[in-house]
Amino acid sequence: MTIYADSFVKESPARQLGALAATLGRIASSAEKTARTKAIIPMLDESLQFIEWTLSHQPSTANKELKDLSVMLKLWRDSWEYTQIDQHLRALLSVQAKKWSDQVLEYSGLLNL
């Protein structure tokens, strides 16, 4: 495991989900900007890593949703080379990533502190 991964897994499950929500939020704010299209793949990869690292620490309800989210993020990552040139698809990713960010933040419980 890398130092980055070690640091991440030492955080509480709530903070792990908070980090995932933040990365998804960055995807949402960057996806529509043509100048930021090269930044999307690393952010998608980071989100996928966060899900992998936190999955076993989450309740079963969040666990299933995170697995589904992982599938969707992989589909976006694998098709980004072709979809990044389409303004409508970039807008779709932006809207979806914002929704996912809000959902993951809700799962984290950080909003209730």
N, C-alpha and C. Protein backbone atom coordinates (compact mmCIF):
# COMPACT_ATOMS: atom_id res chain seq x y z
N MET A 1 0.84 -1.18 0.00
CA MET A 1 0.00 0.00 0.00
C MET A 1 0.89 1.25 0.00
N THR A 2 0.46 2.29 -0.68
CA THR A 2 1.23 3.53 -0.74
C THR A 2 1.01 4.35 0.53
N ILE A 3 1.83 5.35 0.72
CA ILE A 3 1.66 6.25 1.87
C ILE A 3 0.30 6.92 1.79
N TYR A 4 -0.11 7.27 0.57
CA TYR A 4 -1.41 7.90 0.35
C TYR A 4 -2.54 6.97 0.79
N ALA A 5 -2.45 5.71 0.42
CA ALA A 5 -3.47 4.73 0.80
C ALA A 5 -3.46 4.50 2.30
N ASP A 6 -2.27 4.37 2.88
CA ASP A 6 -2.16 4.18 4.34
C ASP A 6 -2.83 5.32 5.09
N SER A 7 -2.58 6.52 4.63
CA SER A 7 -3.18 7.70 5.26
C SER A 7 -4.69 7.68 5.13
N PHE A 8 -5.17 7.32 3.96
CA PHE A 8 -6.62 7.29 3.71
C PHE A 8 -7.30 6.26 4.61
N VAL A 9 -6.78 5.05 4.68
CA VAL A 9 -7.45 3.99 5.44
C VAL A 9 -7.39 4.21 6.95
N LYS A 10 -6.50 5.10 7.40
CA LYS A 10 -6.44 5.42 8.83
C LYS A 10 -7.53 6.41 9.24
N GLU A 11 -8.14 7.05 8.27
CA GLU A 11 -9.24 7.98 8.55
C GLU A 11 -10.49 7.19 8.95
N SER A 12 -11.42 7.86 9.62
CA SER A 12 -12.69 7.22 9.97
C SER A 12 -13.47 6.95 8.68
N PRO A 13 -14.35 5.96 8.71
CA PRO A 13 -15.18 5.70 7.52
C PRO A 13 -15.94 6.94 7.05
N ALA A 14 -16.38 7.76 7.98
CA ALA A 14 -17.10 8.99 7.60
C ALA A 14 -16.19 9.94 6.83
N ARG A 15 -14.98 10.11 7.29
CA ARG A 15 -14.02 11.00 6.61
C ARG A 15 -13.58 10.40 5.27
N GLN A 16 -13.52 9.08 5.19
CA GLN A 16 -13.20 8.44 3.92
C GLN A 16 -14.27 8.78 2.89
N LEU A 17 -15.53 8.68 3.31
CA LEU A 17 -16.62 9.02 2.39
C LEU A 17 -16.61 10.51 2.07
N GLY A 18 -16.22 11.33 3.04
CA GLY A 18 -16.10 12.76 2.79
C GLY A 18 -15.07 13.05 1.72
N ALA A 19 -13.95 12.34 1.74
CA ALA A 19 -12.92 12.50 0.72
C ALA A 19 -13.44 12.08 -0.65
N LEU A 20 -14.18 10.98 -0.69
CA LEU A 20 -14.78 10.52 -1.95
C LEU A 20 -15.76 11.56 -2.47
N ALA A 21 -16.60 12.09 -1.58
CA ALA A 21 -17.58 13.11 -1.98
C ALA A 21 -16.87 14.34 -2.54
N ALA A 22 -15.76 14.73 -1.94
CA ALA A 22 -15.01 15.90 -2.42
C ALA A 22 -14.46 15.65 -3.82
N THR A 23 -13.92 14.46 -4.05
CA THR A 23 -13.39 14.15 -5.38
C THR A 23 -14.50 14.13 -6.42
N LEU A 24 -15.63 13.56 -6.05
CA LEU A 24 -16.78 13.56 -6.98
C LEU A 24 -17.24 14.99 -7.26
N GLY A 25 -17.18 15.85 -6.25
CA GLY A 25 -17.53 17.25 -6.44
C GLY A 25 -16.58 17.94 -7.41
N ARG A 26 -15.30 17.60 -7.33
CA ARG A 26 -14.32 18.17 -8.28
C ARG A 26 -14.60 17.68 -9.70
N ILE A 27 -15.03 16.43 -9.82
CA ILE A 27 -15.40 15.92 -11.14
C ILE A 27 -16.58 16.72 -11.67
N ALA A 28 -17.57 16.94 -10.82
CA ALA A 28 -18.77 17.68 -11.23
C ALA A 28 -18.42 19.07 -11.71
N SER A 29 -17.50 19.75 -11.00
CA SER A 29 -17.17 21.12 -11.39
C SER A 29 -16.22 21.19 -12.57
N SER A 30 -15.54 20.10 -12.88
CA SER A 30 -14.55 20.11 -13.97
C SER A 30 -15.05 19.51 -15.26
N ALA A 31 -16.00 18.61 -15.20
CA ALA A 31 -16.39 17.83 -16.39
C ALA A 31 -16.86 18.69 -17.55
N GLU A 32 -17.55 19.77 -17.27
CA GLU A 32 -18.09 20.58 -18.36
C GLU A 32 -17.06 21.52 -18.97
N LYS A 33 -15.95 21.71 -18.32
CA LYS A 33 -14.93 22.65 -18.80
C LYS A 33 -13.98 21.94 -19.75
N THR A 34 -13.98 22.36 -20.98
CA THR A 34 -13.14 21.75 -22.00
C THR A 34 -11.68 21.75 -21.58
N ALA A 35 -11.23 22.79 -20.93
CA ALA A 35 -9.83 22.89 -20.53
C ALA A 35 -9.47 21.90 -19.43
N ARG A 36 -10.45 21.31 -18.76
CA ARG A 36 -10.19 20.40 -17.64
C ARG A 36 -10.40 18.93 -18.01
N THR A 37 -10.63 18.61 -19.28
CA THR A 37 -10.97 17.23 -19.64
C THR A 37 -9.86 16.24 -19.30
N LYS A 38 -8.59 16.67 -19.34
CA LYS A 38 -7.50 15.75 -19.02
C LYS A 38 -7.42 15.44 -17.53
N ALA A 39 -8.04 16.26 -16.71
CA ALA A 39 -8.03 16.04 -15.26
C ALA A 39 -9.07 15.02 -14.82
N ILE A 40 -10.01 14.70 -15.68
CA ILE A 40 -11.13 13.84 -15.29
C ILE A 40 -10.67 12.40 -15.03
N ILE A 41 -9.86 11.82 -15.89
CA ILE A 41 -9.42 10.43 -15.70
C ILE A 41 -8.73 10.24 -14.34
N PRO A 42 -7.77 11.09 -13.96
CA PRO A 42 -7.16 10.91 -12.64
C PRO A 42 -8.17 11.03 -11.49
N MET A 43 -9.15 11.91 -11.64
CA MET A 43 -10.16 12.04 -10.58
C MET A 43 -11.08 10.82 -10.53
N LEU A 44 -11.42 10.28 -11.69
CA LEU A 44 -12.22 9.06 -11.72
C LEU A 44 -11.44 7.91 -11.07
N ASP A 45 -10.15 7.82 -11.41
CA ASP A 45 -9.31 6.78 -10.82
C ASP A 45 -9.20 6.95 -9.30
N GLU A 46 -9.03 8.18 -8.86
CA GLU A 46 -8.95 8.44 -7.42
C GLU A 46 -10.25 8.02 -6.72
N SER A 47 -11.38 8.34 -7.32
CA SER A 47 -12.68 7.95 -6.75
C SER A 47 -12.79 6.43 -6.65
N LEU A 48 -12.36 5.75 -7.70
CA LEU A 48 -12.41 4.29 -7.69
C LEU A 48 -11.51 3.71 -6.60
N GLN A 49 -10.33 4.30 -6.41
CA GLN A 49 -9.44 3.85 -5.34
C GLN A 49 -10.08 4.08 -3.98
N PHE A 50 -10.66 5.25 -3.78
CA PHE A 50 -11.30 5.54 -2.50
C PHE A 50 -12.40 4.53 -2.20
N ILE A 51 -13.20 4.20 -3.21
CA ILE A 51 -14.26 3.21 -3.01
C ILE A 51 -13.66 1.86 -2.62
N GLU A 52 -12.64 1.45 -3.34
CA GLU A 52 -11.99 0.17 -3.04
C GLU A 52 -11.47 0.14 -1.60
N TRP A 53 -10.84 1.22 -1.18
CA TRP A 53 -10.23 1.27 0.15
C TRP A 53 -11.24 1.38 1.28
N THR A 54 -12.40 1.94 1.02
CA THR A 54 -13.37 2.16 2.09
C THR A 54 -14.50 1.13 2.12
N LEU A 55 -14.66 0.37 1.06
CA LEU A 55 -15.81 -0.52 0.92
C LEU A 55 -16.03 -1.43 2.13
N SER A 56 -15.00 -2.03 2.64
CA SER A 56 -15.17 -2.98 3.75
C SER A 56 -15.49 -2.30 5.07
N HIS A 57 -15.38 -0.97 5.14
CA HIS A 57 -15.64 -0.25 6.38
C HIS A 57 -17.02 0.39 6.42
N GLN A 58 -17.82 0.15 5.41
CA GLN A 58 -19.11 0.82 5.30
C GLN A 58 -20.26 -0.14 5.61
N PRO A 59 -21.38 0.41 6.12
CA PRO A 59 -22.56 -0.43 6.35
C PRO A 59 -23.07 -1.01 5.03
N SER A 60 -23.83 -2.08 5.12
CA SER A 60 -24.27 -2.80 3.91
C SER A 60 -25.06 -1.91 2.94
N THR A 61 -25.84 -0.98 3.45
CA THR A 61 -26.61 -0.10 2.56
C THR A 61 -25.68 0.74 1.69
N ALA A 62 -24.72 1.38 2.33
CA ALA A 62 -23.77 2.21 1.58
C ALA A 62 -22.89 1.33 0.71
N ASN A 63 -22.56 0.14 1.19
CA ASN A 63 -21.68 -0.78 0.47
C ASN A 63 -22.24 -1.09 -0.92
N LYS A 64 -23.52 -1.42 -0.99
CA LYS A 64 -24.15 -1.73 -2.28
C LYS A 64 -24.14 -0.52 -3.20
N GLU A 65 -24.46 0.64 -2.66
CA GLU A 65 -24.46 1.86 -3.48
C GLU A 65 -23.07 2.19 -3.98
N LEU A 66 -22.06 1.98 -3.13
CA LEU A 66 -20.68 2.25 -3.53
C LEU A 66 -20.23 1.29 -4.64
N LYS A 67 -20.66 0.05 -4.56
CA LYS A 67 -20.34 -0.90 -5.63
C LYS A 67 -20.97 -0.47 -6.95
N ASP A 68 -22.23 -0.04 -6.89
CA ASP A 68 -22.91 0.47 -8.09
C ASP A 68 -22.21 1.71 -8.63
N LEU A 69 -21.82 2.60 -7.74
CA LEU A 69 -21.11 3.81 -8.14
C LEU A 69 -19.79 3.46 -8.82
N SER A 70 -19.10 2.46 -8.29
CA SER A 70 -17.84 2.01 -8.87
C SER A 70 -18.03 1.56 -10.31
N VAL A 71 -19.09 0.82 -10.57
CA VAL A 71 -19.38 0.36 -11.94
C VAL A 71 -19.61 1.56 -12.86
N MET A 72 -20.39 2.53 -12.39
CA MET A 72 -20.67 3.71 -13.22
C MET A 72 -19.39 4.51 -13.49
N LEU A 73 -18.57 4.67 -12.47
CA LEU A 73 -17.32 5.43 -12.64
C LEU A 73 -16.38 4.73 -13.62
N LYS A 74 -16.33 3.41 -13.57
CA LYS A 74 -15.50 2.66 -14.51
C LYS A 74 -16.00 2.84 -15.94
N LEU A 75 -17.31 2.84 -16.12
CA LEU A 75 -17.86 3.06 -17.46
C LEU A 75 -17.49 4.44 -17.99
N TRP A 76 -17.58 5.46 -17.14
CA TRP A 76 -17.19 6.81 -17.56
C TRP A 76 -15.70 6.86 -17.89
N ARG A 77 -14.88 6.25 -17.03
CA ARG A 77 -13.44 6.27 -17.26
C ARG A 77 -13.09 5.58 -18.57
N ASP A 78 -13.67 4.42 -18.80
CA ASP A 78 -13.34 3.64 -19.99
C ASP A 78 -13.83 4.30 -21.29
N SER A 79 -14.84 5.14 -21.20
CA SER A 79 -15.37 5.78 -22.41
C SER A 79 -14.98 7.25 -22.52
N TRP A 80 -14.22 7.76 -21.56
CA TRP A 80 -13.94 9.20 -21.53
C TRP A 80 -13.22 9.69 -22.79
N GLU A 81 -12.33 8.90 -23.33
CA GLU A 81 -11.59 9.31 -24.53
C GLU A 81 -12.56 9.71 -25.65
N TYR A 82 -13.67 9.01 -25.74
CA TYR A 82 -14.64 9.27 -26.80
C TYR A 82 -15.71 10.26 -26.38
N THR A 83 -16.09 10.24 -25.11
CA THR A 83 -17.20 11.09 -24.67
C THR A 83 -16.78 12.50 -24.32
N GLN A 84 -15.48 12.72 -24.05
CA GLN A 84 -15.05 14.06 -23.63
C GLN A 84 -15.25 15.11 -24.71
N ILE A 85 -15.35 14.69 -25.96
CA ILE A 85 -15.53 15.67 -27.04
C ILE A 85 -16.99 16.10 -27.20
N ASP A 86 -17.89 15.46 -26.48
CA ASP A 86 -19.32 15.77 -26.58
C ASP A 86 -19.74 16.61 -25.37
N GLN A 87 -20.13 17.83 -25.64
CA GLN A 87 -20.53 18.76 -24.58
C GLN A 87 -21.68 18.21 -23.74
N HIS A 88 -22.62 17.53 -24.37
CA HIS A 88 -23.78 17.00 -23.65
C HIS A 88 -23.37 15.87 -22.70
N LEU A 89 -22.44 15.04 -23.13
CA LEU A 89 -21.97 13.95 -22.27
C LEU A 89 -21.14 14.49 -21.11
N ARG A 90 -20.37 15.53 -21.35
CA ARG A 90 -19.63 16.16 -20.25
C ARG A 90 -20.61 16.75 -19.24
N ALA A 91 -21.67 17.35 -19.74
CA ALA A 91 -22.70 17.91 -18.85
C ALA A 91 -23.38 16.80 -18.05
N LEU A 92 -23.64 15.68 -18.70
CA LEU A 92 -24.25 14.54 -18.02
C LEU A 92 -23.36 14.03 -16.89
N LEU A 93 -22.06 13.88 -17.16
CA LEU A 93 -21.15 13.45 -16.10
C LEU A 93 -21.14 14.46 -14.96
N SER A 94 -21.15 15.73 -15.28
CA SER A 94 -21.15 16.77 -14.26
C SER A 94 -22.36 16.64 -13.34
N VAL A 95 -23.53 16.48 -13.93
CA VAL A 95 -24.77 16.35 -13.14
C VAL A 95 -24.73 15.06 -12.31
N GLN A 96 -24.32 13.96 -12.92
CA GLN A 96 -24.26 12.69 -12.19
C GLN A 96 -23.26 12.76 -11.05
N ALA A 97 -22.09 13.32 -11.30
CA ALA A 97 -21.06 13.39 -10.26
C ALA A 97 -21.53 14.25 -9.09
N LYS A 98 -22.25 15.33 -9.37
CA LYS A 98 -22.79 16.17 -8.29
C LYS A 98 -23.78 15.38 -7.46
N LYS A 99 -24.64 14.63 -8.12
CA LYS A 99 -25.63 13.81 -7.41
C LYS A 99 -24.92 12.75 -6.56
N TRP A 100 -23.92 12.10 -7.14
CA TRP A 100 -23.17 11.09 -6.39
C TRP A 100 -22.45 11.71 -5.20
N SER A 101 -21.87 12.87 -5.40
CA SER A 101 -21.17 13.56 -4.31
C SER A 101 -22.12 13.84 -3.16
N ASP A 102 -23.29 14.37 -3.47
CA ASP A 102 -24.30 14.66 -2.44
C ASP A 102 -24.73 13.39 -1.72
N GLN A 103 -24.93 12.31 -2.48
CA GLN A 103 -25.37 11.04 -1.92
C GLN A 103 -24.30 10.46 -0.99
N VAL A 104 -23.05 10.48 -1.43
CA VAL A 104 -21.96 9.93 -0.61
C VAL A 104 -21.78 10.78 0.65
N LEU A 105 -21.90 12.09 0.52
CA LEU A 105 -21.79 12.96 1.69
C LEU A 105 -22.90 12.64 2.68
N GLU A 106 -24.07 12.36 2.18
CA GLU A 106 -25.19 11.97 3.06
C GLU A 106 -24.87 10.65 3.79
N TYR A 107 -24.34 9.68 3.06
CA TYR A 107 -23.95 8.40 3.67
C TYR A 107 -22.90 8.59 4.77
N SER A 108 -22.03 9.57 4.57
CA SER A 108 -20.92 9.77 5.52
C SER A 108 -21.41 10.18 6.90
N GLY A 109 -22.55 10.84 6.95
CA GLY A 109 -23.05 11.34 8.24
C GLY A 109 -22.38 12.64 8.67
N LEU A 110 -21.45 13.14 7.89
CA LEU A 110 -20.73 14.36 8.25
C LEU A 110 -21.64 15.58 8.29
N LEU A 111 -22.73 15.53 7.57
CA LEU A 111 -23.66 16.67 7.57
C LEU A 111 -24.43 16.76 8.88
N ASN A 112 -24.47 15.67 9.65
CA ASN A 112 -25.24 15.62 10.89
C ASN A 112 -24.41 15.94 12.13
N LEU A 113 -23.15 16.27 11.94
CA LEU A 113 -22.28 16.55 13.09
C LEU A 113 -22.45 17.95 13.61
